[in-house]
Structures are given as C-alpha cells and as structure tokens.
C-alpha cells in the first residue's frame, strides 16, 4: 500500500529497515523478510511491515522577500517539507524488555 510508504521511506536517501511478515490468511504459510528499500506488501503474501524508524513530516513556513532589484517590498511565505525520524519501538516497549531482563543491556535495535 503506497499510502504508508512515506512514513517509512520519505526520500531516496532515507535510512530504515522494515521486517515484513506474511499476513493473516496467507495461503502459503509463514514467511519473513527484512528490507531496506521501498517494497510491495505483496512481496510476502498479504504482508505486514514493522519498521525500525517512522518518519514524521514537518512543514516549515518562512517568509522570503521577493521583488525586483530595486523593490523588496513584497514578502512571500514559502513552505519547506522536512522529516523527523522517530523510533518504531516505543520507550514503554524498551522499558518492558529491560525490566524482564535486568542483567542485559538492551537497546531498541536489539528488540527490533
């Protein structure tokens, strides 16, 4: 589903990993792949993806002076889209595993 891909890979140079598993009702049994590029959820039948990171769109607006060489009196508002990377594993999820395994050093990437 193309709708959610910008949350996983908003641009060509976005770094991410997604674990894709076969979905409910898949007729060929359980399968899993890990991918680092945009993918089709039908790569694995009725697939579901679990990302390491989620990208959140941020639109910044700024004023830019416009006009000709001698007249700078016109101000324009220009929008710029940027992305903030968030962890796919919540802080609560990390805390759960750290509590369950108190003698281990566990990171969000380890859980992923």
PDB file of N, CA and C in Angstrom:
ATOM      1  N   UNK A   1       0.845  -1.175   0.000  1.00  0.00           N
ATOM      2  CA  UNK A   1       0.000   0.000   0.000  1.00  0.00           C
ATOM      3  C   UNK A   1       0.890   1.237   0.000  1.00  0.00           C
ATOM      4  N   UNK A   2       0.795   2.000  -1.016  1.00  0.00           N
ATOM      5  CA  UNK A   2       1.664   3.154  -1.194  1.00  0.00           C
ATOM      6  C   UNK A   2       1.403   4.244  -0.155  1.00  0.00           C
ATOM      7  N   UNK A   3       0.221   4.297   0.392  1.00  0.00           N
ATOM      8  CA  UNK A   3      -0.180   5.356   1.316  1.00  0.00           C
ATOM      9  C   UNK A   3       0.773   5.509   2.496  1.00  0.00           C
ATOM     10  N   UNK A   4       1.247   4.439   3.086  1.00  0.00           N
ATOM     11  CA  UNK A   4       2.077   4.490   4.284  1.00  0.00           C
ATOM     12  C   UNK A   4       3.580   4.543   4.005  1.00  0.00           C
ATOM     13  N   UNK A   5       4.011   4.327   2.772  1.00  0.00           N
ATOM     14  CA  UNK A   5       5.447   4.295   2.467  1.00  0.00           C
ATOM     15  C   UNK A   5       6.183   5.585   2.844  1.00  0.00           C
ATOM     16  N   UNK A   6       5.577   6.788   2.689  1.00  0.00           N
ATOM     17  CA  UNK A   6       6.307   7.992   3.111  1.00  0.00           C
ATOM     18  C   UNK A   6       6.649   8.017   4.603  1.00  0.00           C
ATOM     19  N   UNK A   7       5.922   7.262   5.424  1.00  0.00           N
ATOM     20  CA  UNK A   7       6.266   7.167   6.839  1.00  0.00           C
ATOM     21  C   UNK A   7       7.504   6.304   7.061  1.00  0.00           C
ATOM     22  N   UNK A   8       7.788   5.423   6.108  1.00  0.00           N
ATOM     23  CA  UNK A   8       8.915   4.507   6.228  1.00  0.00           C
ATOM     24  C   UNK A   8      10.124   4.980   5.429  1.00  0.00           C
ATOM     25  N   UNK A   9       9.894   5.470   4.211  1.00  0.00           N
ATOM     26  CA  UNK A   9      10.956   5.919   3.315  1.00  0.00           C
ATOM     27  C   UNK A   9      10.510   7.221   2.646  1.00  0.00           C
ATOM     28  N   UNK A  10      10.615   8.359   3.340  1.00  0.00           N
ATOM     29  CA  UNK A  10      10.101   9.611   2.768  1.00  0.00           C
ATOM     30  C   UNK A  10      10.917  10.155   1.601  1.00  0.00           C
ATOM     31  N   UNK A  11      12.178   9.763   1.482  1.00  0.00           N
ATOM     32  CA  UNK A  11      13.008  10.223   0.369  1.00  0.00           C
ATOM     33  C   UNK A  11      13.964   9.105  -0.041  1.00  0.00           C
ATOM     34  N   UNK A  12      14.619   9.306  -1.156  1.00  0.00           N
ATOM     35  CA  UNK A  12      15.529   8.277  -1.677  1.00  0.00           C
ATOM     36  C   UNK A  12      16.692   7.976  -0.747  1.00  0.00           C
ATOM     37  N   UNK A  13      17.106   8.951   0.047  1.00  0.00           N
ATOM     38  CA  UNK A  13      18.259   8.738   0.924  1.00  0.00           C
ATOM     39  C   UNK A  13      17.877   8.426   2.374  1.00  0.00           C
ATOM     40  N   UNK A  14      16.595   8.150   2.624  1.00  0.00           N
ATOM     41  CA  UNK A  14      16.151   7.800   3.975  1.00  0.00           C
ATOM     42  C   UNK A  14      16.648   6.409   4.348  1.00  0.00           C
ATOM     43  N   UNK A  15      17.200   6.290   5.544  1.00  0.00           N
ATOM     44  CA  UNK A  15      17.701   5.009   6.041  1.00  0.00           C
ATOM     45  C   UNK A  15      16.639   4.380   6.943  1.00  0.00           C
ATOM     46  N   UNK A  16      16.335   3.114   6.690  1.00  0.00           N
ATOM     47  CA  UNK A  16      15.372   2.408   7.512  1.00  0.00           C
ATOM     48  C   UNK A  16      15.477   0.912   7.234  1.00  0.00           C
ATOM     49  N   UNK A  17      14.983   0.128   8.163  1.00  0.00           N
ATOM     50  CA  UNK A  17      14.828  -1.312   7.986  1.00  0.00           C
ATOM     51  C   UNK A  17      13.393  -1.659   8.342  1.00  0.00           C
ATOM     52  N   UNK A  18      12.793  -2.569   7.575  1.00  0.00           N
ATOM     53  CA  UNK A  18      11.422  -2.999   7.833  1.00  0.00           C
ATOM     54  C   UNK A  18      11.383  -4.518   7.794  1.00  0.00           C
ATOM     55  N   UNK A  19      10.855  -5.103   8.859  1.00  0.00           N
ATOM     56  CA  UNK A  19      10.633  -6.547   8.879  1.00  0.00           C
ATOM     57  C   UNK A  19       9.235  -6.780   8.329  1.00  0.00           C
ATOM     58  N   UNK A  20       9.157  -7.527   7.244  1.00  0.00           N
ATOM     59  CA  UNK A  20       7.873  -7.840   6.623  1.00  0.00           C
ATOM     60  C   UNK A  20       7.537  -9.302   6.896  1.00  0.00           C
ATOM     61  N   UNK A  21       6.326  -9.533   7.373  1.00  0.00           N
ATOM     62  CA  UNK A  21       5.870 -10.895   7.660  1.00  0.00           C
ATOM     63  C   UNK A  21       4.598 -11.160   6.868  1.00  0.00           C
ATOM     64  N   UNK A  22       4.361 -12.439   6.581  1.00  0.00           N
ATOM     65  CA  UNK A  22       3.134 -12.796   5.872  1.00  0.00           C
ATOM     66  C   UNK A  22       1.942 -12.506   6.769  1.00  0.00           C
ATOM     67  N   UNK A  23       0.861 -12.060   6.146  1.00  0.00           N
ATOM     68  CA  UNK A  23      -0.297 -11.628   6.900  1.00  0.00           C
ATOM     69  C   UNK A  23      -1.276 -12.744   7.207  1.00  0.00           C
ATOM     70  N   UNK A  24      -2.322 -12.370   7.917  1.00  0.00           N
ATOM     71  CA  UNK A  24      -3.389 -13.294   8.273  1.00  0.00           C
ATOM     72  C   UNK A  24      -4.076 -13.736   6.982  1.00  0.00           C
ATOM     73  N   UNK A  25      -4.303 -15.004   6.850  1.00  0.00           N
ATOM     74  CA  UNK A  25      -4.972 -15.527   5.670  1.00  0.00           C
ATOM     75  C   UNK A  25      -4.038 -15.869   4.529  1.00  0.00           C
ATOM     76  N   UNK A  26      -2.732 -15.750   4.752  1.00  0.00           N
ATOM     77  CA  UNK A  26      -1.784 -16.128   3.703  1.00  0.00           C
ATOM     78  C   UNK A  26      -1.867 -17.634   3.483  1.00  0.00           C
ATOM     79  N   UNK A  27      -1.982 -18.025   2.234  1.00  0.00           N
ATOM     80  CA  UNK A  27      -2.210 -19.442   1.942  1.00  0.00           C
ATOM     81  C   UNK A  27      -0.931 -20.280   1.899  1.00  0.00           C
ATOM     82  N   UNK A  28       0.229 -19.645   1.893  1.00  0.00           N
ATOM     83  CA  UNK A  28       1.477 -20.391   1.726  1.00  0.00           C
ATOM     84  C   UNK A  28       2.293 -20.520   3.011  1.00  0.00           C
ATOM     85  N   UNK A  29       1.698 -20.292   4.151  1.00  0.00           N
ATOM     86  CA  UNK A  29       2.412 -20.414   5.413  1.00  0.00           C
ATOM     87  C   UNK A  29       3.121 -19.131   5.799  1.00  0.00           C
ATOM     88  N   UNK A  30       3.915 -19.227   6.854  1.00  0.00           N
ATOM     89  CA  UNK A  30       4.595 -18.056   7.397  1.00  0.00           C
ATOM     90  C   UNK A  30       5.908 -17.791   6.665  1.00  0.00           C
ATOM     91  N   UNK A  31       6.141 -16.520   6.340  1.00  0.00           N
ATOM     92  CA  UNK A  31       7.397 -16.082   5.730  1.00  0.00           C
ATOM     93  C   UNK A  31       7.774 -14.742   6.315  1.00  0.00           C
ATOM     94  N   UNK A  32       9.062 -14.416   6.266  1.00  0.00           N
ATOM     95  CA  UNK A  32       9.525 -13.115   6.721  1.00  0.00           C
ATOM     96  C   UNK A  32      10.741 -12.676   5.920  1.00  0.00           C
ATOM     97  N   UNK A  33      10.841 -11.367   5.687  1.00  0.00           N
ATOM     98  CA  UNK A  33      11.987 -10.738   5.029  1.00  0.00           C
ATOM     99  C   UNK A  33      12.287  -9.435   5.746  1.00  0.00           C
ATOM    100  N   UNK A  34      13.533  -9.007   5.696  1.00  0.00           N
ATOM    101  CA  UNK A  34      13.880  -7.678   6.182  1.00  0.00           C
ATOM    102  C   UNK A  34      14.358  -6.880   4.975  1.00  0.00           C
ATOM    103  N   UNK A  35      13.853  -5.659   4.845  1.00  0.00           N
ATOM    104  CA  UNK A  35      14.139  -4.845   3.665  1.00  0.00           C
ATOM    105  C   UNK A  35      14.612  -3.459   4.059  1.00  0.00           C
ATOM    106  N   UNK A  36      15.439  -2.870   3.192  1.00  0.00           N
ATOM    107  CA  UNK A  36      15.932  -1.520   3.446  1.00  0.00           C
ATOM    108  C   UNK A  36      15.556  -0.541   2.338  1.00  0.00           C
ATOM    109  N   UNK A  37      14.624  -0.921   1.479  1.00  0.00           N
ATOM    110  CA  UNK A  37      14.137  -0.084   0.377  1.00  0.00           C
ATOM    111  C   UNK A  37      12.617  -0.176   0.323  1.00  0.00           C
ATOM    112  N   UNK A  38      12.014   0.732  -0.446  1.00  0.00           N
ATOM    113  CA  UNK A  38      10.571   0.688  -0.658  1.00  0.00           C
ATOM    114  C   UNK A  38      10.209  -0.675  -1.242  1.00  0.00           C
ATOM    115  N   UNK A  39       9.130  -1.252  -0.752  1.00  0.00           N
ATOM    116  CA  UNK A  39       8.747  -2.597  -1.161  1.00  0.00           C
ATOM    117  C   UNK A  39       7.243  -2.689  -1.348  1.00  0.00           C
ATOM    118  N   UNK A  40       6.811  -3.746  -1.962  1.00  0.00           N
ATOM    119  CA  UNK A  40       5.391  -4.040  -2.149  1.00  0.00           C
ATOM    120  C   UNK A  40       4.958  -4.993  -1.036  1.00  0.00           C
ATOM    121  N   UNK A  41       3.859  -4.704  -0.391  1.00  0.00           N
ATOM    122  CA  UNK A  41       3.392  -5.570   0.685  1.00  0.00           C
ATOM    123  C   UNK A  41       2.958  -6.941   0.181  1.00  0.00           C
ATOM    124  N   UNK A  42       2.812  -7.097  -1.126  1.00  0.00           N
ATOM    125  CA  UNK A  42       2.531  -8.412  -1.683  1.00  0.00           C
ATOM    126  C   UNK A  42       3.811  -9.176  -2.000  1.00  0.00           C
ATOM    127  N   UNK A  43       4.965  -8.616  -1.679  1.00  0.00           N
ATOM    128  CA  UNK A  43       6.219  -9.363  -1.806  1.00  0.00           C
ATOM    129  C   UNK A  43       6.095 -10.639  -0.987  1.00  0.00           C
ATOM    130  N   UNK A  44       5.541 -10.478   0.192  1.00  0.00           N
ATOM    131  CA  UNK A  44       5.147 -11.615   1.021  1.00  0.00           C
ATOM    132  C   UNK A  44       3.630 -11.526   1.106  1.00  0.00           C
ATOM    133  N   UNK A  45       2.962 -12.612   0.789  1.00  0.00           N
ATOM    134  CA  UNK A  45       1.514 -12.611   0.639  1.00  0.00           C
ATOM    135  C   UNK A  45       0.791 -11.947   1.811  1.00  0.00           C
ATOM    136  N   UNK A  46      -0.038 -10.953   1.480  1.00  0.00           N
ATOM    137  CA  UNK A  46      -0.830 -10.206   2.467  1.00  0.00           C
ATOM    138  C   UNK A  46       0.059  -9.681   3.592  1.00  0.00           C
ATOM    139  N   UNK A  47       1.230  -9.183   3.216  1.00  0.00           N
ATOM    140  CA  UNK A  47       2.263  -8.818   4.177  1.00  0.00           C
ATOM    141  C   UNK A  47       1.935  -7.651   5.080  1.00  0.00           C
ATOM    142  N   UNK A  48       2.663  -7.623   6.173  1.00  0.00           N
ATOM    143  CA  UNK A  48       2.578  -6.551   7.155  1.00  0.00           C
ATOM    144  C   UNK A  48       4.010  -6.182   7.506  1.00  0.00           C
ATOM    145  N   UNK A  49       4.296  -4.866   7.606  1.00  0.00           N
ATOM    146  CA  UNK A  49       5.656  -4.435   7.878  1.00  0.00           C
ATOM    147  C   UNK A  49       5.814  -3.793   9.241  1.00  0.00           C
ATOM    148  N   UNK A  50       6.966  -4.040   9.864  1.00  0.00           N
ATOM    149  CA  UNK A  50       7.305  -3.470  11.162  1.00  0.00           C
ATOM    150  C   UNK A  50       8.604  -2.685  11.007  1.00  0.00           C
ATOM    151  N   UNK A  51       8.546  -1.354  11.060  1.00  0.00           N
ATOM    152  CA  UNK A  51       9.731  -0.542  10.793  1.00  0.00           C
ATOM    153  C   UNK A  51      10.595  -0.298  12.030  1.00  0.00           C
ATOM    154  N   UNK A  52      11.894  -0.123  11.781  1.00  0.00           N
ATOM    155  CA  UNK A  52      12.815   0.300  12.834  1.00  0.00           C
ATOM    156  C   UNK A  52      12.571   1.774  13.165  1.00  0.00           C
ATOM    157  N   UNK A  53      12.313   2.572  12.144  1.00  0.00           N
ATOM    158  CA  UNK A  53      12.049   4.005  12.310  1.00  0.00           C
ATOM    159  C   UNK A  53      10.764   4.385  11.585  1.00  0.00           C
ATOM    160  N   UNK A  54      10.153   5.458  12.069  1.00  0.00           N
ATOM    161  CA  UNK A  54       8.996   6.066  11.419  1.00  0.00           C
ATOM    162  C   UNK A  54       9.364   7.529  11.189  1.00  0.00           C
ATOM    163  N   UNK A  55       9.082   8.029  10.008  1.00  0.00           N
ATOM    164  CA  UNK A  55       9.387   9.421   9.682  1.00  0.00           C
ATOM    165  C   UNK A  55       8.120  10.257   9.764  1.00  0.00           C
ATOM    166  N   UNK A  56       8.230  11.379  10.463  1.00  0.00           N
ATOM    167  CA  UNK A  56       7.102  12.284  10.648  1.00  0.00           C
ATOM    168  C   UNK A  56       7.352  13.542   9.820  1.00  0.00           C
ATOM    169  N   UNK A  57       6.378  13.906   9.012  1.00  0.00           N
ATOM    170  CA  UNK A  57       6.512  15.075   8.143  1.00  0.00           C
ATOM    171  C   UNK A  57       6.361  16.360   8.955  1.00  0.00           C
ATOM    172  N   UNK A  58       7.262  17.308   8.720  1.00  0.00           N
ATOM    173  CA  UNK A  58       7.207  18.614   9.363  1.00  0.00           C
ATOM    174  C   UNK A  58       7.243  19.661   8.258  1.00  0.00           C
ATOM    175  N   UNK A  59       6.266  20.536   8.233  1.00  0.00           N
ATOM    176  CA  UNK A  59       6.231  21.593   7.221  1.00  0.00           C
ATOM    177  C   UNK A  59       6.618  22.898   7.900  1.00  0.00           C
ATOM    178  N   UNK A  60       7.718  23.481   7.450  1.00  0.00           N
ATOM    179  CA  UNK A  60       8.194  24.746   7.988  1.00  0.00           C
ATOM    180  C   UNK A  60       7.847  25.857   7.006  1.00  0.00           C
ATOM    181  N   UNK A  61       7.299  26.922   7.535  1.00  0.00           N
ATOM    182  CA  UNK A  61       6.983  28.070   6.692  1.00  0.00           C
ATOM    183  C   UNK A  61       7.915  29.203   7.058  1.00  0.00           C
ATOM    184  N   UNK A  62       8.414  29.892   6.029  1.00  0.00           N
ATOM    185  CA  UNK A  62       9.276  31.038   6.285  1.00  0.00           C
ATOM    186  C   UNK A  62       8.975  32.129   5.274  1.00  0.00           C
ATOM    187  N   UNK A  63       9.193  33.357   5.692  1.00  0.00           N
ATOM    188  CA  UNK A  63       8.958  34.498   4.817  1.00  0.00           C
ATOM    189  C   UNK A  63      10.202  34.755   3.985  1.00  0.00           C
ATOM    190  N   UNK A  64       9.966  35.043   2.724  1.00  0.00           N
ATOM    191  CA  UNK A  64      11.054  35.339   1.800  1.00  0.00           C
ATOM    192  C   UNK A  64      10.710  36.642   1.113  1.00  0.00           C
ATOM    193  N   UNK A  65      11.673  37.556   1.113  1.00  0.00           N
ATOM    194  CA  UNK A  65      11.469  38.822   0.413  1.00  0.00           C
ATOM    195  C   UNK A  65      11.529  38.567  -1.082  1.00  0.00           C
ATOM    196  N   UNK A  66      10.572  39.120  -1.790  1.00  0.00           N
ATOM    197  CA  UNK A  66      10.540  38.968  -3.241  1.00  0.00           C
ATOM    198  C   UNK A  66      10.353  40.332  -3.877  1.00  0.00           C
ATOM    199  N   UNK A  67      10.644  40.420  -5.103  1.00  0.00           N
ATOM    200  CA  UNK A  67      10.512  41.678  -5.828  1.00  0.00           C
ATOM    201  C   UNK A  67      11.614  41.763  -6.849  1.00  0.00           C
ATOM    202  N   UNK A  68      11.773  42.948  -7.404  1.00  0.00           N
ATOM    203  CA  UNK A  68      12.842  43.095  -8.379  1.00  0.00           C
ATOM    204  C   UNK A  68      14.085  43.664  -7.707  1.00  0.00           C
ATOM    205  N   UNK A  69      15.052  44.043  -8.478  1.00  0.00           N
ATOM    206  CA  UNK A  69      16.337  44.508  -7.969  1.00  0.00           C
ATOM    207  C   UNK A  69      16.206  45.735  -7.069  1.00  0.00           C
ATOM    208  N   UNK A  70      15.214  46.590  -7.339  1.00  0.00           N
ATOM    209  CA  UNK A  70      15.096  47.848  -6.617  1.00  0.00           C
ATOM    210  C   UNK A  70      13.942  47.896  -5.623  1.00  0.00           C
ATOM    211  N   UNK A  71      13.080  46.881  -5.626  1.00  0.00           N
ATOM    212  CA  UNK A  71      11.904  46.907  -4.757  1.00  0.00           C
ATOM    213  C   UNK A  71      11.774  45.571  -4.031  1.00  0.00           C
ATOM    214  N   UNK A  72      12.089  45.558  -2.748  1.00  0.00           N
ATOM    215  CA  UNK A  72      11.994  44.349  -1.927  1.00  0.00           C
ATOM    216  C   UNK A  72      10.776  44.377  -1.019  1.00  0.00           C
ATOM    217  N   UNK A  73       9.727  45.056  -1.411  1.00  0.00           N
ATOM    218  CA  UNK A  73       8.586  45.267  -0.532  1.00  0.00           C
ATOM    219  C   UNK A  73       7.614  44.094  -0.471  1.00  0.00           C
ATOM    220  N   UNK A  74       7.730  43.113  -1.348  1.00  0.00           N
ATOM    221  CA  UNK A  74       6.794  42.002  -1.382  1.00  0.00           C
ATOM    222  C   UNK A  74       7.363  40.815  -0.612  1.00  0.00           C
ATOM    223  N   UNK A  75       6.632  40.357   0.409  1.00  0.00           N
ATOM    224  CA  UNK A  75       7.047  39.182   1.183  1.00  0.00           C
ATOM    225  C   UNK A  75       6.188  37.988   0.783  1.00  0.00           C
ATOM    226  N   UNK A  76       6.830  36.852   0.569  1.00  0.00           N
ATOM    227  CA  UNK A  76       6.128  35.612   0.248  1.00  0.00           C
ATOM    228  C   UNK A  76       6.374  34.601   1.357  1.00  0.00           C
ATOM    229  N   UNK A  77       5.399  33.735   1.584  1.00  0.00           N
ATOM    230  CA  UNK A  77       5.570  32.637   2.534  1.00  0.00           C
ATOM    231  C   UNK A  77       5.868  31.378   1.733  1.00  0.00           C
ATOM    232  N   UNK A  78       6.988  30.745   2.065  1.00  0.00           N
ATOM    233  CA  UNK A  78       7.418  29.547   1.361  1.00  0.00           C
ATOM    234  C   UNK A  78       7.384  28.384   2.345  1.00  0.00           C
ATOM    235  N   UNK A  79       6.823  27.257   1.908  1.00  0.00           N
ATOM    236  CA  UNK A  79       6.761  26.057   2.748  1.00  0.00           C
ATOM    237  C   UNK A  79       7.891  25.118   2.360  1.00  0.00           C
ATOM    238  N   UNK A  80       8.523  24.541   3.361  1.00  0.00           N
ATOM    239  CA  UNK A  80       9.581  23.561   3.142  1.00  0.00           C
ATOM    240  C   UNK A  80       9.238  22.315   3.956  1.00  0.00           C
ATOM    241  N   UNK A  81       9.292  21.158   3.313  1.00  0.00           N
ATOM    242  CA  UNK A  81       8.967  19.905   3.985  1.00  0.00           C
ATOM    243  C   UNK A  81      10.239  19.230   4.457  1.00  0.00           C
ATOM    244  N   UNK A  82      10.270  18.876   5.728  1.00  0.00           N
ATOM    245  CA  UNK A  82      11.377  18.135   6.317  1.00  0.00           C
ATOM    246  C   UNK A  82      10.782  16.940   7.047  1.00  0.00           C
ATOM    247  N   UNK A  83      11.638  16.035   7.491  1.00  0.00           N
ATOM    248  CA  UNK A  83      11.163  14.846   8.182  1.00  0.00           C
ATOM    249  C   UNK A  83      11.933  14.639   9.480  1.00  0.00           C
ATOM    250  N   UNK A  84      11.193  14.273  10.521  1.00  0.00           N
ATOM    251  CA  UNK A  84      11.789  13.939  11.818  1.00  0.00           C
ATOM    252  C   UNK A  84      11.704  12.427  11.979  1.00  0.00           C
ATOM    253  N   UNK A  85      12.834  11.808  12.314  1.00  0.00           N
ATOM    254  CA  UNK A  85      12.869  10.360  12.490  1.00  0.00           C
ATOM    255  C   UNK A  85      12.528  10.006  13.931  1.00  0.00           C
ATOM    256  N   UNK A  86      11.588   9.072  14.084  1.00  0.00           N
ATOM    257  CA  UNK A  86      11.192   8.587  15.405  1.00  0.00           C
ATOM    258  C   UNK A  86      11.439   7.086  15.453  1.00  0.00           C
ATOM    259  N   UNK A  87      11.647   6.555  16.643  1.00  0.00           N
ATOM    260  CA  UNK A  87      11.856   5.122  16.797  1.00  0.00           C
ATOM    261  C   UNK A  87      10.549   4.357  16.597  1.00  0.00           C
ATOM    262  N   UNK A  88      10.633   3.200  15.938  1.00  0.00           N
ATOM    263  CA  UNK A  88       9.477   2.333  15.762  1.00  0.00           C
ATOM    264  C   UNK A  88       9.153   1.547  17.029  1.00  0.00           C
ATOM    265  N   UNK A  89      10.125   1.428  17.925  1.00  0.00           N
ATOM    266  CA  UNK A  89       9.934   0.774  19.228  1.00  0.00           C
ATOM    267  C   UNK A  89       9.705   1.885  20.258  1.00  0.00           C
ATOM    268  N   UNK A  90       8.620   1.795  20.995  1.00  0.00           N
ATOM    269  CA  UNK A  90       8.300   2.834  21.971  1.00  0.00           C
ATOM    270  C   UNK A  90       9.210   2.737  23.202  1.00  0.00           C
ATOM    271  N   UNK A  91       9.288   3.823  23.951  1.00  0.00           N
ATOM    272  CA  UNK A  91      10.041   3.818  25.206  1.00  0.00           C
ATOM    273  C   UNK A  91       9.443   2.813  26.192  1.00  0.00           C
ATOM    274  N   UNK A  92       8.106   2.679  26.171  1.00  0.00           N
ATOM    275  CA  UNK A  92       7.437   1.728  27.055  1.00  0.00           C
ATOM    276  C   UNK A  92       7.815   0.287  26.681  1.00  0.00           C
ATOM    277  N   UNK A  93       7.898   0.009  25.393  1.00  0.00           N
ATOM    278  CA  UNK A  93       8.306  -1.322  24.942  1.00  0.00           C
ATOM    279  C   UNK A  93       9.724  -1.645  25.370  1.00  0.00           C
ATOM    280  N   UNK A  94      10.627  -0.668  25.239  1.00  0.00           N
ATOM    281  CA  UNK A  94      12.011  -0.854  25.680  1.00  0.00           C
ATOM    282  C   UNK A  94      12.059  -1.109  27.177  1.00  0.00           C
ATOM    283  N   UNK A  95      11.311  -0.332  27.950  1.00  0.00           N
ATOM    284  CA  UNK A  95      11.272  -0.491  29.405  1.00  0.00           C
ATOM    285  C   UNK A  95      10.770  -1.880  29.791  1.00  0.00           C
ATOM    286  N   UNK A  96       9.781  -2.391  29.078  1.00  0.00           N
ATOM    287  CA  UNK A  96       9.241  -3.731  29.343  1.00  0.00           C
ATOM    288  C   UNK A  96      10.341  -4.787  29.237  1.00  0.00           C
ATOM    289  N   UNK A  97      11.130  -4.731  28.165  1.00  0.00           N
ATOM    290  CA  UNK A  97      12.192  -5.717  27.972  1.00  0.00           C
ATOM    291  C   UNK A  97      13.336  -5.520  28.960  1.00  0.00           C
ATOM    292  N   UNK A  98      13.661  -4.266  29.277  1.00  0.00           N
ATOM    293  CA  UNK A  98      14.728  -4.013  30.248  1.00  0.00           C
ATOM    294  C   UNK A  98      14.337  -4.502  31.634  1.00  0.00           C
ATOM    295  N   UNK A  99      13.053  -4.409  31.975  1.00  0.00           N
ATOM    296  CA  UNK A  99      12.564  -4.922  33.257  1.00  0.00           C
ATOM    297  C   UNK A  99      12.584  -6.450  33.267  1.00  0.00           C
ATOM    298  N   UNK A 100      12.208  -7.063  32.157  1.00  0.00           N
ATOM    299  CA  UNK A 100      12.165  -8.527  32.073  1.00  0.00           C
ATOM    300  C   UNK A 100      13.564  -9.141  32.095  1.00  0.00           C
ATOM    301  N   UNK A 101      14.557  -8.401  31.589  1.00  0.00           N
ATOM    302  CA  UNK A 101      15.941  -8.897  31.531  1.00  0.00           C
ATOM    303  C   UNK A 101      16.877  -7.872  32.176  1.00  0.00           C
ATOM    304  N   UNK A 102      16.830  -7.751  33.506  1.00  0.00           N
ATOM    305  CA  UNK A 102      17.568  -6.680  34.194  1.00  0.00           C
ATOM    306  C   UNK A 102      19.097  -6.795  34.090  1.00  0.00           C
ATOM    307  N   UNK A 103      19.631  -7.971  33.823  1.00  0.00           N
ATOM    308  CA  UNK A 103      21.084  -8.144  33.743  1.00  0.00           C
ATOM    309  C   UNK A 103      21.626  -7.947  32.331  1.00  0.00           C
ATOM    310  N   UNK A 104      20.769  -7.562  31.396  1.00  0.00           N
ATOM    311  CA  UNK A 104      21.166  -7.383  29.997  1.00  0.00           C
ATOM    312  C   UNK A 104      21.119  -5.910  29.605  1.00  0.00           C
ATOM    313  N   UNK A 105      22.009  -5.515  28.718  1.00  0.00           N
ATOM    314  CA  UNK A 105      21.962  -4.192  28.108  1.00  0.00           C
ATOM    315  C   UNK A 105      21.126  -4.344  26.836  1.00  0.00           C
ATOM    316  N   UNK A 106      19.910  -3.820  26.820  1.00  0.00           N
ATOM    317  CA  UNK A 106      19.000  -3.992  25.689  1.00  0.00           C
ATOM    318  C   UNK A 106      18.676  -2.628  25.092  1.00  0.00           C
ATOM    319  N   UNK A 107      18.839  -2.528  23.775  1.00  0.00           N
ATOM    320  CA  UNK A 107      18.505  -1.289  23.063  1.00  0.00           C
ATOM    321  C   UNK A 107      17.270  -1.522  22.200  1.00  0.00           C
ATOM    322  N   UNK A 108      16.745  -0.456  21.634  1.00  0.00           N
ATOM    323  CA  UNK A 108      15.589  -0.578  20.756  1.00  0.00           C
ATOM    324  C   UNK A 108      15.929  -1.377  19.502  1.00  0.00           C
ATOM    325  N   UNK A 109      17.155  -1.246  19.017  1.00  0.00           N
ATOM    326  CA  UNK A 109      17.582  -2.031  17.848  1.00  0.00           C
ATOM    327  C   UNK A 109      17.658  -3.522  18.196  1.00  0.00           C
ATOM    328  N   UNK A 110      18.037  -3.849  19.430  1.00  0.00           N
ATOM    329  CA  UNK A 110      18.059  -5.255  19.855  1.00  0.00           C
ATOM    330  C   UNK A 110      16.652  -5.847  19.813  1.00  0.00           C
ATOM    331  N   UNK A 111      15.666  -5.089  20.268  1.00  0.00           N
ATOM    332  CA  UNK A 111      14.272  -5.561  20.263  1.00  0.00           C
ATOM    333  C   UNK A 111      13.795  -5.734  18.840  1.00  0.00           C
ATOM    334  N   UNK A 112      14.140  -4.799  17.974  1.00  0.00           N
ATOM    335  CA  UNK A 112      13.756  -4.887  16.569  1.00  0.00           C
ATOM    336  C   UNK A 112      14.281  -6.159  15.960  1.00  0.00           C
TER     337      UNK A 112
END
